[in-house]
């Protein structure tokens, strides 16, 4: 039975509309902590990308210096 009571005063179930339920699920998924593999992949990308860029830049520089 729907009432006008606040959720804090309700001793039973809280009713939600379909849009509120969808929003609740979306928020719960967004706040879920990432998996360990996701954290590892992000760390690997953050570490390896600058190293790869540095190595490529050094190789390009050595080619330009060699041609001079």
C-alpha atoms as a PDB file:
ATOM      1  CA  UNK A   1       0.000   0.000   0.000  1.00  0.00           C
ATOM      2  CA  UNK A   2       1.446   3.370  -0.996  1.00  0.00           C
ATOM      3  CA  UNK A   3       1.684   6.009   1.744  1.00  0.00           C
ATOM      4  CA  UNK A   4       3.006   9.521   2.033  1.00  0.00           C
ATOM      5  CA  UNK A   5       5.322   8.606   4.930  1.00  0.00           C
ATOM      6  CA  UNK A   6       9.008   9.395   4.614  1.00  0.00           C
ATOM      7  CA  UNK A   7      11.342   6.426   4.016  1.00  0.00           C
ATOM      8  CA  UNK A   8      12.828   6.867   7.500  1.00  0.00           C
ATOM      9  CA  UNK A   9       9.421   6.440   9.126  1.00  0.00           C
ATOM     10  CA  UNK A  10       8.485   3.429   7.013  1.00  0.00           C
ATOM     11  CA  UNK A  11       8.752   0.094   8.818  1.00  0.00           C
ATOM     12  CA  UNK A  12       8.032  -2.014   5.732  1.00  0.00           C
ATOM     13  CA  UNK A  13       8.965  -1.770   2.112  1.00  0.00           C
ATOM     14  CA  UNK A  14       9.726   1.362   0.155  1.00  0.00           C
ATOM     15  CA  UNK A  15       8.006   1.560  -3.232  1.00  0.00           C
ATOM     16  CA  UNK A  16       9.893   2.798  -6.267  1.00  0.00           C
ATOM     17  CA  UNK A  17       8.760   3.708  -9.707  1.00  0.00           C
ATOM     18  CA  UNK A  18      10.293   1.934 -12.700  1.00  0.00           C
ATOM     19  CA  UNK A  19      12.560   4.894 -13.471  1.00  0.00           C
ATOM     20  CA  UNK A  20      13.749   5.101  -9.849  1.00  0.00           C
ATOM     21  CA  UNK A  21      14.522   1.366  -9.903  1.00  0.00           C
ATOM     22  CA  UNK A  22      16.540   1.732 -13.113  1.00  0.00           C
ATOM     23  CA  UNK A  23      18.417   4.692 -11.663  1.00  0.00           C
ATOM     24  CA  UNK A  24      19.179   2.707  -8.510  1.00  0.00           C
ATOM     25  CA  UNK A  25      20.639  -0.175 -10.528  1.00  0.00           C
ATOM     26  CA  UNK A  26      22.703   2.183 -12.679  1.00  0.00           C
ATOM     27  CA  UNK A  27      24.087   3.949  -9.619  1.00  0.00           C
ATOM     28  CA  UNK A  28      24.882   0.643  -7.908  1.00  0.00           C
ATOM     29  CA  UNK A  29      26.813  -0.531 -10.975  1.00  0.00           C
ATOM     30  CA  UNK A  30      28.690   2.767 -11.225  1.00  0.00           C
ATOM     31  CA  UNK A  31      29.773   2.641  -7.569  1.00  0.00           C
ATOM     32  CA  UNK A  32      30.862  -0.993  -7.685  1.00  0.00           C
ATOM     33  CA  UNK A  33      34.614  -1.344  -7.108  1.00  0.00           C
ATOM     34  CA  UNK A  34      36.608  -2.383 -10.178  1.00  0.00           C
ATOM     35  CA  UNK A  35      37.880  -5.930 -10.561  1.00  0.00           C
ATOM     36  CA  UNK A  36      41.512  -6.708  -9.872  1.00  0.00           C
ATOM     37  CA  UNK A  37      42.217  -7.345 -13.534  1.00  0.00           C
ATOM     38  CA  UNK A  38      40.887  -3.879 -14.407  1.00  0.00           C
ATOM     39  CA  UNK A  39      43.176  -2.274 -11.846  1.00  0.00           C
ATOM     40  CA  UNK A  40      46.127  -4.265 -13.163  1.00  0.00           C
ATOM     41  CA  UNK A  41      45.365  -3.310 -16.758  1.00  0.00           C
ATOM     42  CA  UNK A  42      45.104   0.377 -15.846  1.00  0.00           C
ATOM     43  CA  UNK A  43      48.423   0.255 -13.996  1.00  0.00           C
ATOM     44  CA  UNK A  44      50.106  -1.571 -16.870  1.00  0.00           C
ATOM     45  CA  UNK A  45      48.781   0.948 -19.381  1.00  0.00           C
ATOM     46  CA  UNK A  46      49.843   3.888 -17.222  1.00  0.00           C
ATOM     47  CA  UNK A  47      53.339   2.453 -16.805  1.00  0.00           C
ATOM     48  CA  UNK A  48      54.000   0.981 -20.240  1.00  0.00           C
ATOM     49  CA  UNK A  49      52.577   3.761 -22.415  1.00  0.00           C
ATOM     50  CA  UNK A  50      55.133   6.411 -21.323  1.00  0.00           C
ATOM     51  CA  UNK A  51      57.965   3.870 -21.598  1.00  0.00           C
ATOM     52  CA  UNK A  52      56.925   2.879 -25.127  1.00  0.00           C
ATOM     53  CA  UNK A  53      56.597   6.534 -26.161  1.00  0.00           C
ATOM     54  CA  UNK A  54      60.069   7.247 -24.767  1.00  0.00           C
ATOM     55  CA  UNK A  55      61.634   4.323 -26.636  1.00  0.00           C
ATOM     56  CA  UNK A  56      59.948   5.291 -29.912  1.00  0.00           C
ATOM     57  CA  UNK A  57      61.049   8.914 -29.497  1.00  0.00           C
ATOM     58  CA  UNK A  58      64.651   7.815 -28.867  1.00  0.00           C
ATOM     59  CA  UNK A  59      64.600   5.642 -31.983  1.00  0.00           C
ATOM     60  CA  UNK A  60      63.229   8.485 -34.113  1.00  0.00           C
ATOM     61  CA  UNK A  61      65.837  10.849 -32.662  1.00  0.00           C
ATOM     62  CA  UNK A  62      68.644   8.421 -33.394  1.00  0.00           C
ATOM     63  CA  UNK A  63      67.493   8.128 -37.019  1.00  0.00           C
ATOM     64  CA  UNK A  64      67.460  11.918 -37.430  1.00  0.00           C
ATOM     65  CA  UNK A  65      70.887  12.283 -35.776  1.00  0.00           C
ATOM     66  CA  UNK A  66      72.302   9.453 -37.926  1.00  0.00           C
ATOM     67  CA  UNK A  67      71.072  11.098 -41.143  1.00  0.00           C
ATOM     68  CA  UNK A  68      72.656  14.430 -40.256  1.00  0.00           C
END
